[in-house]
PDB file of N, CA and C in Angstrom:
ATOM      1  N   MET A   1      -3.576 -23.333  31.934  1.00  0.00           N
ATOM      2  CA  MET A   1      -3.142 -22.869  30.638  1.00  0.00           C
ATOM      3  C   MET A   1      -2.160 -21.727  30.840  1.00  0.00           C
ATOM      4  N   GLN A   2      -1.088 -21.735  30.083  1.00  0.00           N
ATOM      5  CA  GLN A   2      -0.047 -20.735  30.256  1.00  0.00           C
ATOM      6  C   GLN A   2      -0.246 -19.584  29.267  1.00  0.00           C
ATOM      7  N   ALA A   3      -0.063 -18.367  29.734  1.00  0.00           N
ATOM      8  CA  ALA A   3      -0.212 -17.190  28.883  1.00  0.00           C
ATOM      9  C   ALA A   3       0.966 -17.093  27.920  1.00  0.00           C
ATOM     10  N   THR A   4       0.685 -16.587  26.737  1.00  0.00           N
ATOM     11  CA  THR A   4       1.733 -16.391  25.739  1.00  0.00           C
ATOM     12  C   THR A   4       2.383 -15.040  25.981  1.00  0.00           C
ATOM     13  N   ASN A   5       3.695 -15.032  26.059  1.00  0.00           N
ATOM     14  CA  ASN A   5       4.423 -13.783  26.237  1.00  0.00           C
ATOM     15  C   ASN A   5       4.875 -13.265  24.885  1.00  0.00           C
ATOM     16  N   HIS A   6       4.533 -12.034  24.608  1.00  0.00           N
ATOM     17  CA  HIS A   6       4.966 -11.392  23.372  1.00  0.00           C
ATOM     18  C   HIS A   6       6.080 -10.425  23.716  1.00  0.00           C
ATOM     19  N   SER A   7       7.020 -10.324  22.836  1.00  0.00           N
ATOM     20  CA  SER A   7       8.116  -9.386  23.071  1.00  0.00           C
ATOM     21  C   SER A   7       7.608  -7.959  22.882  1.00  0.00           C
ATOM     22  N   ALA A   8       8.350  -7.026  23.402  1.00  0.00           N
ATOM     23  CA  ALA A   8       7.992  -5.613  23.245  1.00  0.00           C
ATOM     24  C   ALA A   8       7.997  -5.227  21.775  1.00  0.00           C
ATOM     25  N   HIS A   9       8.893  -5.838  21.007  1.00  0.00           N
ATOM     26  CA  HIS A   9       8.954  -5.530  19.569  1.00  0.00           C
ATOM     27  C   HIS A   9       7.657  -5.938  18.871  1.00  0.00           C
ATOM     28  N   THR A  10       7.109  -7.089  19.211  1.00  0.00           N
ATOM     29  CA  THR A  10       5.870  -7.558  18.601  1.00  0.00           C
ATOM     30  C   THR A  10       4.720  -6.636  18.957  1.00  0.00           C
ATOM     31  N   ARG A  11       4.609  -6.269  20.219  1.00  0.00           N
ATOM     32  CA  ARG A  11       3.532  -5.366  20.635  1.00  0.00           C
ATOM     33  C   ARG A  11       3.669  -4.015  19.957  1.00  0.00           C
ATOM     34  N   ARG A  12       4.877  -3.514  19.825  1.00  0.00           N
ATOM     35  CA  ARG A  12       5.098  -2.215  19.199  1.00  0.00           C
ATOM     36  C   ARG A  12       4.715  -2.268  17.724  1.00  0.00           C
ATOM     37  N   ALA A  13       5.033  -3.360  17.040  1.00  0.00           N
ATOM     38  CA  ALA A  13       4.738  -3.484  15.622  1.00  0.00           C
ATOM     39  C   ALA A  13       3.229  -3.461  15.369  1.00  0.00           C
ATOM     40  N   GLU A  14       2.453  -4.025  16.279  1.00  0.00           N
ATOM     41  CA  GLU A  14       1.006  -4.042  16.111  1.00  0.00           C
ATOM     42  C   GLU A  14       0.402  -2.664  16.308  1.00  0.00           C
ATOM     43  N   SER A  15       1.005  -1.826  17.140  1.00  0.00           N
ATOM     44  CA  SER A  15       0.415  -0.534  17.449  1.00  0.00           C
ATOM     45  C   SER A  15       0.919   0.595  16.553  1.00  0.00           C
ATOM     46  N   GLU A  16       1.999   0.372  15.819  1.00  0.00           N
ATOM     47  CA  GLU A  16       2.529   1.426  14.959  1.00  0.00           C
ATOM     48  C   GLU A  16       1.646   1.600  13.734  1.00  0.00           C
ATOM     49  N   PRO A  17       1.337   2.844  13.374  1.00  0.00           N
ATOM     50  CA  PRO A  17       0.538   3.052  12.164  1.00  0.00           C
ATOM     51  C   PRO A  17       1.371   2.755  10.922  1.00  0.00           C
ATOM     52  N   GLN A  18       0.683   2.308   9.878  1.00  0.00           N
ATOM     53  CA  GLN A  18       1.384   2.047   8.630  1.00  0.00           C
ATOM     54  C   GLN A  18       1.586   3.359   7.898  1.00  0.00           C
ATOM     55  N   HIS A  19       2.689   3.452   7.180  1.00  0.00           N
ATOM     56  CA  HIS A  19       2.993   4.661   6.424  1.00  0.00           C
ATOM     57  C   HIS A  19       2.863   4.352   4.946  1.00  0.00           C
ATOM     58  N   PHE A  20       2.072   5.142   4.258  1.00  0.00           N
ATOM     59  CA  PHE A  20       1.849   4.949   2.835  1.00  0.00           C
ATOM     60  C   PHE A  20       2.340   6.185   2.090  1.00  0.00           C
ATOM     61  N   PRO A  21       2.774   6.017   0.829  1.00  0.00           N
ATOM     62  CA  PRO A  21       3.214   7.181   0.058  1.00  0.00           C
ATOM     63  C   PRO A  21       2.023   8.084  -0.262  1.00  0.00           C
ATOM     64  N   PRO A  22       2.277   9.346  -0.539  1.00  0.00           N
ATOM     65  CA  PRO A  22       1.182  10.238  -0.935  1.00  0.00           C
ATOM     66  C   PRO A  22       0.476   9.684  -2.178  1.00  0.00           C
ATOM     67  N   LEU A  23      -0.801   9.932  -2.284  1.00  0.00           N
ATOM     68  CA  LEU A  23      -1.596   9.403  -3.386  1.00  0.00           C
ATOM     69  C   LEU A  23      -1.046   9.851  -4.740  1.00  0.00           C
ATOM     70  N   GLU A  24      -0.475  11.045  -4.810  1.00  0.00           N
ATOM     71  CA  GLU A  24       0.068  11.553  -6.075  1.00  0.00           C
ATOM     72  C   GLU A  24       1.246  10.707  -6.570  1.00  0.00           C
ATOM     73  N   LEU A  25       1.945  10.040  -5.654  1.00  0.00           N
ATOM     74  CA  LEU A  25       3.130   9.268  -6.016  1.00  0.00           C
ATOM     75  C   LEU A  25       2.841   7.791  -6.294  1.00  0.00           C
ATOM     76  N   VAL A  26       1.617   7.359  -6.088  1.00  0.00           N
ATOM     77  CA  VAL A  26       1.273   5.959  -6.324  1.00  0.00           C
ATOM     78  C   VAL A  26       1.165   5.742  -7.829  1.00  0.00           C
ATOM     79  N   ASN A  27       1.957   4.790  -8.348  1.00  0.00           N
ATOM     80  CA  ASN A  27       1.938   4.543  -9.789  1.00  0.00           C
ATOM     81  C   ASN A  27       1.416   3.145 -10.130  1.00  0.00           C
ATOM     82  N   ARG A  28       0.824   2.468  -9.171  1.00  0.00           N
ATOM     83  CA  ARG A  28       0.213   1.166  -9.412  1.00  0.00           C
ATOM     84  C   ARG A  28      -1.255   1.371  -9.770  1.00  0.00           C
ATOM     85  N   PRO A  29      -1.843   0.451 -10.536  1.00  0.00           N
ATOM     86  CA  PRO A  29      -3.257   0.628 -10.891  1.00  0.00           C
ATOM     87  C   PRO A  29      -4.211   0.401  -9.717  1.00  0.00           C
ATOM     88  N   THR A  30      -3.822  -0.462  -8.767  1.00  0.00           N
ATOM     89  CA  THR A  30      -4.673  -0.732  -7.606  1.00  0.00           C
ATOM     90  C   THR A  30      -3.830  -0.743  -6.336  1.00  0.00           C
ATOM     91  N   VAL A  31      -4.508  -0.573  -5.203  1.00  0.00           N
ATOM     92  CA  VAL A  31      -3.846  -0.638  -3.897  1.00  0.00           C
ATOM     93  C   VAL A  31      -4.666  -1.545  -2.992  1.00  0.00           C
ATOM     94  N   PRO A  32      -4.038  -2.128  -1.961  1.00  0.00           N
ATOM     95  CA  PRO A  32      -4.786  -2.983  -1.027  1.00  0.00           C
ATOM     96  C   PRO A  32      -5.752  -2.175  -0.164  1.00  0.00           C
ATOM     97  N   THR A  33      -6.622  -2.884   0.512  1.00  0.00           N
ATOM     98  CA  THR A  33      -7.683  -2.263   1.307  1.00  0.00           C
ATOM     99  C   THR A  33      -7.139  -1.305   2.363  1.00  0.00           C
ATOM    100  N   GLU A  34      -6.097  -1.693   3.090  1.00  0.00           N
ATOM    101  CA  GLU A  34      -5.554  -0.834   4.149  1.00  0.00           C
ATOM    102  C   GLU A  34      -5.062   0.493   3.585  1.00  0.00           C
ATOM    103  N   GLN A  35      -4.412   0.440   2.435  1.00  0.00           N
ATOM    104  CA  GLN A  35      -3.882   1.661   1.825  1.00  0.00           C
ATOM    105  C   GLN A  35      -5.022   2.527   1.292  1.00  0.00           C
ATOM    106  N   ALA A  36      -6.010   1.926   0.655  1.00  0.00           N
ATOM    107  CA  ALA A  36      -7.165   2.673   0.158  1.00  0.00           C
ATOM    108  C   ALA A  36      -7.912   3.342   1.307  1.00  0.00           C
ATOM    109  N   ALA A  37      -8.067   2.630   2.412  1.00  0.00           N
ATOM    110  CA  ALA A  37      -8.750   3.198   3.575  1.00  0.00           C
ATOM    111  C   ALA A  37      -7.987   4.397   4.115  1.00  0.00           C
ATOM    112  N   HIS A  38      -6.672   4.328   4.089  1.00  0.00           N
ATOM    113  CA  HIS A  38      -5.844   5.449   4.541  1.00  0.00           C
ATOM    114  C   HIS A  38      -6.133   6.695   3.702  1.00  0.00           C
ATOM    115  N   TYR A  39      -6.157   6.542   2.383  1.00  0.00           N
ATOM    116  CA  TYR A  39      -6.393   7.679   1.500  1.00  0.00           C
ATOM    117  C   TYR A  39      -7.818   8.225   1.619  1.00  0.00           C
ATOM    118  N   LEU A  40      -8.773   7.334   1.864  1.00  0.00           N
ATOM    119  CA  LEU A  40     -10.175   7.747   1.944  1.00  0.00           C
ATOM    120  C   LEU A  40     -10.595   8.160   3.358  1.00  0.00           C
ATOM    121  N   LEU A  41      -9.658   8.099   4.302  1.00  0.00           N
ATOM    122  CA  LEU A  41      -9.928   8.444   5.700  1.00  0.00           C
ATOM    123  C   LEU A  41     -11.068   7.612   6.281  1.00  0.00           C
ATOM    124  N   ARG A  42     -11.002   6.324   6.015  1.00  0.00           N
ATOM    125  CA  ARG A  42     -11.961   5.366   6.536  1.00  0.00           C
ATOM    126  C   ARG A  42     -11.194   4.209   7.160  1.00  0.00           C
ATOM    127  N   ARG A  43     -11.868   3.373   7.897  1.00  0.00           N
ATOM    128  CA  ARG A  43     -11.255   2.156   8.431  1.00  0.00           C
ATOM    129  C   ARG A  43     -11.328   1.079   7.352  1.00  0.00           C
ATOM    130  N   PRO A  44     -10.341   0.183   7.321  1.00  0.00           N
ATOM    131  CA  PRO A  44     -10.371  -0.884   6.316  1.00  0.00           C
ATOM    132  C   PRO A  44     -11.667  -1.696   6.342  1.00  0.00           C
ATOM    133  N   GLN A  45     -12.236  -1.902   7.532  1.00  0.00           N
ATOM    134  CA  GLN A  45     -13.466  -2.686   7.622  1.00  0.00           C
ATOM    135  C   GLN A  45     -14.625  -1.989   6.913  1.00  0.00           C
ATOM    136  N   THR A  46     -14.608  -0.657   6.860  1.00  0.00           N
ATOM    137  CA  THR A  46     -15.649   0.080   6.143  1.00  0.00           C
ATOM    138  C   THR A  46     -15.585  -0.254   4.658  1.00  0.00           C
ATOM    139  N   LEU A  47     -14.384  -0.276   4.086  1.00  0.00           N
ATOM    140  CA  LEU A  47     -14.234  -0.599   2.678  1.00  0.00           C
ATOM    141  C   LEU A  47     -14.632  -2.047   2.400  1.00  0.00           C
ATOM    142  N   ARG A  48     -14.309  -2.944   3.318  1.00  0.00           N
ATOM    143  CA  ARG A  48     -14.726  -4.340   3.140  1.00  0.00           C
ATOM    144  C   ARG A  48     -16.254  -4.447   3.151  1.00  0.00           C
ATOM    145  N   GLY A  49     -16.886  -3.661   4.003  1.00  0.00           N
ATOM    146  CA  GLY A  49     -18.352  -3.635   4.043  1.00  0.00           C
ATOM    147  C   GLY A  49     -18.927  -3.091   2.745  1.00  0.00           C
ATOM    148  N   TRP A  50     -18.304  -2.028   2.212  1.00  0.00           N
ATOM    149  CA  TRP A  50     -18.740  -1.479   0.921  1.00  0.00           C
ATOM    150  C   TRP A  50     -18.673  -2.548  -0.159  1.00  0.00           C
ATOM    151  N   ALA A  51     -17.570  -3.295  -0.182  1.00  0.00           N
ATOM    152  CA  ALA A  51     -17.383  -4.318  -1.206  1.00  0.00           C
ATOM    153  C   ALA A  51     -18.415  -5.433  -1.058  1.00  0.00           C
ATOM    154  N   CYS A  52     -18.696  -5.813   0.156  1.00  0.00           N
ATOM    155  CA  CYS A  52     -19.640  -6.900   0.413  1.00  0.00           C
ATOM    156  C   CYS A  52     -21.064  -6.488   0.030  1.00  0.00           C
ATOM    157  N   ALA A  53     -21.456  -5.287   0.398  1.00  0.00           N
ATOM    158  CA  ALA A  53     -22.808  -4.799   0.126  1.00  0.00           C
ATOM    159  C   ALA A  53     -22.909  -4.074  -1.219  1.00  0.00           C
ATOM    160  N   GLU A  54     -21.788  -3.902  -1.895  1.00  0.00           N
ATOM    161  CA  GLU A  54     -21.705  -3.166  -3.165  1.00  0.00           C
ATOM    162  C   GLU A  54     -22.308  -1.771  -3.033  1.00  0.00           C
ATOM    163  N   THR A  55     -21.906  -1.063  -1.980  1.00  0.00           N
ATOM    164  CA  THR A  55     -22.390   0.303  -1.738  1.00  0.00           C
ATOM    165  C   THR A  55     -21.250   1.311  -1.803  1.00  0.00           C
ATOM    166  N   PHE A  56     -20.226   1.026  -2.582  1.00  0.00           N
ATOM    167  CA  PHE A  56     -19.063   1.906  -2.685  1.00  0.00           C
ATOM    168  C   PHE A  56     -19.401   3.132  -3.527  1.00  0.00           C
ATOM    169  N   PRO A  57     -18.623   4.228  -3.378  1.00  0.00           N
ATOM    170  CA  PRO A  57     -18.851   5.427  -4.194  1.00  0.00           C
ATOM    171  C   PRO A  57     -18.665   5.126  -5.681  1.00  0.00           C
ATOM    172  N   ASP A  58     -19.283   5.945  -6.521  1.00  0.00           N
ATOM    173  CA  ASP A  58     -19.186   5.765  -7.975  1.00  0.00           C
ATOM    174  C   ASP A  58     -17.735   5.727  -8.423  1.00  0.00           C
ATOM    175  N   GLY A  59     -17.418   4.776  -9.293  1.00  0.00           N
ATOM    176  CA  GLY A  59     -16.075   4.663  -9.856  1.00  0.00           C
ATOM    177  C   GLY A  59     -15.076   3.956  -8.974  1.00  0.00           C
ATOM    178  N   LEU A  60     -15.498   3.486  -7.820  1.00  0.00           N
ATOM    179  CA  LEU A  60     -14.562   2.894  -6.863  1.00  0.00           C
ATOM    180  C   LEU A  60     -14.766   1.389  -6.706  1.00  0.00           C
ATOM    181  N   ARG A  61     -15.303   0.722  -7.684  1.00  0.00           N
ATOM    182  CA  ARG A  61     -15.560  -0.724  -7.590  1.00  0.00           C
ATOM    183  C   ARG A  61     -14.246  -1.481  -7.426  1.00  0.00           C
ATOM    184  N   PRO A  62     -14.117  -2.249  -6.338  1.00  0.00           N
ATOM    185  CA  PRO A  62     -12.887  -3.013  -6.139  1.00  0.00           C
ATOM    186  C   PRO A  62     -12.846  -4.242  -7.047  1.00  0.00           C
ATOM    187  N   VAL A  63     -11.638  -4.730  -7.266  1.00  0.00           N
ATOM    188  CA  VAL A  63     -11.448  -5.980  -8.002  1.00  0.00           C
ATOM    189  C   VAL A  63     -10.836  -6.979  -7.031  1.00  0.00           C
ATOM    190  N   ARG A  64     -11.076  -8.244  -7.280  1.00  0.00           N
ATOM    191  CA  ARG A  64     -10.495  -9.289  -6.432  1.00  0.00           C
ATOM    192  C   ARG A  64      -9.321  -9.917  -7.162  1.00  0.00           C
ATOM    193  N   VAL A  65      -8.189  -9.963  -6.475  1.00  0.00           N
ATOM    194  CA  VAL A  65      -6.987 -10.599  -6.995  1.00  0.00           C
ATOM    195  C   VAL A  65      -6.588 -11.676  -6.000  1.00  0.00           C
ATOM    196  N   ASN A  66      -6.674 -12.920  -6.426  1.00  0.00           N
ATOM    197  CA  ASN A  66      -6.390 -14.059  -5.548  1.00  0.00           C
ATOM    198  C   ASN A  66      -7.183 -13.993  -4.237  1.00  0.00           C
ATOM    199  N   GLY A  67      -8.428 -13.577  -4.324  1.00  0.00           N
ATOM    200  CA  GLY A  67      -9.296 -13.534  -3.155  1.00  0.00           C
ATOM    201  C   GLY A  67      -9.154 -12.290  -2.293  1.00  0.00           C
ATOM    202  N   ARG A  68      -8.271 -11.386  -2.673  1.00  0.00           N
ATOM    203  CA  ARG A  68      -8.078 -10.149  -1.892  1.00  0.00           C
ATOM    204  C   ARG A  68      -8.656  -8.967  -2.655  1.00  0.00           C
ATOM    205  N   LEU A  69      -9.170  -7.996  -1.901  1.00  0.00           N
ATOM    206  CA  LEU A  69      -9.714  -6.804  -2.533  1.00  0.00           C
ATOM    207  C   LEU A  69      -8.587  -5.857  -2.938  1.00  0.00           C
ATOM    208  N   CYS A  70      -8.679  -5.343  -4.144  1.00  0.00           N
ATOM    209  CA  CYS A  70      -7.763  -4.311  -4.623  1.00  0.00           C
ATOM    210  C   CYS A  70      -8.606  -3.148  -5.113  1.00  0.00           C
ATOM    211  N   TRP A  71      -8.234  -1.949  -4.703  1.00  0.00           N
ATOM    212  CA  TRP A  71      -9.028  -0.764  -5.000  1.00  0.00           C
ATOM    213  C   TRP A  71      -8.323   0.069  -6.060  1.00  0.00           C
ATOM    214  N   PRO A  72      -9.018   0.455  -7.140  1.00  0.00           N
ATOM    215  CA  PRO A  72      -8.379   1.215  -8.221  1.00  0.00           C
ATOM    216  C   PRO A  72      -7.980   2.619  -7.750  1.00  0.00           C
ATOM    217  N   VAL A  73      -6.745   2.984  -8.057  1.00  0.00           N
ATOM    218  CA  VAL A  73      -6.231   4.304  -7.670  1.00  0.00           C
ATOM    219  C   VAL A  73      -7.044   5.394  -8.359  1.00  0.00           C
ATOM    220  N   ALA A  74      -7.406   5.177  -9.627  1.00  0.00           N
ATOM    221  CA  ALA A  74      -8.222   6.168 -10.349  1.00  0.00           C
ATOM    222  C   ALA A  74      -9.572   6.359  -9.656  1.00  0.00           C
ATOM    223  N   GLY A  75     -10.163   5.298  -9.130  1.00  0.00           N
ATOM    224  CA  GLY A  75     -11.420   5.385  -8.413  1.00  0.00           C
ATOM    225  C   GLY A  75     -11.284   6.129  -7.101  1.00  0.00           C
ATOM    226  N   ILE A  76     -10.179   5.917  -6.417  1.00  0.00           N
ATOM    227  CA  ILE A  76      -9.926   6.638  -5.165  1.00  0.00           C
ATOM    228  C   ILE A  76      -9.807   8.134  -5.445  1.00  0.00           C
ATOM    229  N   LYS A  77      -9.060   8.470  -6.503  1.00  0.00           N
ATOM    230  CA  LYS A  77      -8.910   9.877  -6.868  1.00  0.00           C
ATOM    231  C   LYS A  77     -10.244  10.487  -7.270  1.00  0.00           C
ATOM    232  N   ALA A  78     -11.068   9.722  -7.991  1.00  0.00           N
ATOM    233  CA  ALA A  78     -12.382  10.215  -8.396  1.00  0.00           C
ATOM    234  C   ALA A  78     -13.275  10.437  -7.170  1.00  0.00           C
ATOM    235  N   ALA A  79     -13.225   9.520  -6.216  1.00  0.00           N
ATOM    236  CA  ALA A  79     -14.045   9.664  -5.010  1.00  0.00           C
ATOM    237  C   ALA A  79     -13.619  10.876  -4.188  1.00  0.00           C
ATOM    238  N   LEU A  80     -12.326  11.202  -4.242  1.00  0.00           N
ATOM    239  CA  LEU A  80     -11.813  12.347  -3.505  1.00  0.00           C
ATOM    240  C   LEU A  80     -11.926  13.657  -4.289  1.00  0.00           C
ATOM    241  N   GLY A  81     -12.275  13.553  -5.574  1.00  0.00           N
ATOM    242  CA  GLY A  81     -12.375  14.757  -6.405  1.00  0.00           C
ATOM    243  C   GLY A  81     -11.031  15.286  -6.840  1.00  0.00           C
ATOM    244  N   VAL A  82     -10.038  14.396  -6.906  1.00  0.00           N
ATOM    245  CA  VAL A  82      -8.678  14.781  -7.310  1.00  0.00           C
ATOM    246  C   VAL A  82      -8.519  14.452  -8.788  1.00  0.00           C
ATOM    247  N   ALA A  83      -7.861  15.329  -9.522  1.00  0.00           N
ATOM    248  CA  ALA A  83      -7.644  15.076 -10.952  1.00  0.00           C
ATOM    249  C   ALA A  83      -6.708  13.885 -11.117  1.00  0.00           C
ATOM    250  N   ALA A  84      -7.093  12.976 -12.001  1.00  0.00           N
ATOM    251  CA  ALA A  84      -6.273  11.779 -12.262  1.00  0.00           C
ATOM    252  C   ALA A  84      -5.171  12.179 -13.161  1.00  0.00           C
TER     253      ALA A  84
END
């Protein structure tokens, strides 16, 4: 079996952290799991576990859009104690 060679660009893209706008500048009602995890200082898998077990902080209930989790920005701000 032959090993798959990935270009340096592909490897670099996987290791680069994602950059999200500051929470104060987000004007959408919900954000995806990766972005919510960034704001809450958690790993995305932690938020997925919260959603599965329904053990998320008060006011942070995710909604599903086309099978994907979306986290309410107002709930993220409430969990962080930031004024909405």
